[in-house]
């Protein structure tokens, strides 16, 4: 059991800083993820459930706006404007887990649509000669 515990902590060490003051404790045992990282995981899980149920993405503008709370909190803490407590870390992590991932996925979908249209227009324009007829090599 100790080897399993050590392996779990080793894996999560690559994902989280694991500072004891910023981590939840369950029955006196520290959780291997801090409050923010735990909340990001919860937010991502809620996003997956949302996508499976609703079958559509949240709005891109809303996702970008709400995802910005986490970097705002991090930079404000680093600048010394406030220290931030674990409840703020949990809320901003949850927003990032849900809306940050939704924003990234939405941007990928938007990029795919734009490049697909661009390639389609480029293919059509390549298939034309100067007189406007299709080139003989294109079917």
Foldseek 3Di string as FASTA:
>chain_A
DVVVVVVVLVVCVVVAVQDQQQFDADPNHTDSHGLLQVLLVVLLVVQVVCCVVVVDFPDLVVLVVLLVLVVVVVVCCVVPVDVDHNVSSNSNSNSCSNSVVSNVVVVVVVVVVVVVVVVVVVVCVVQQDPVGHGDPVDD
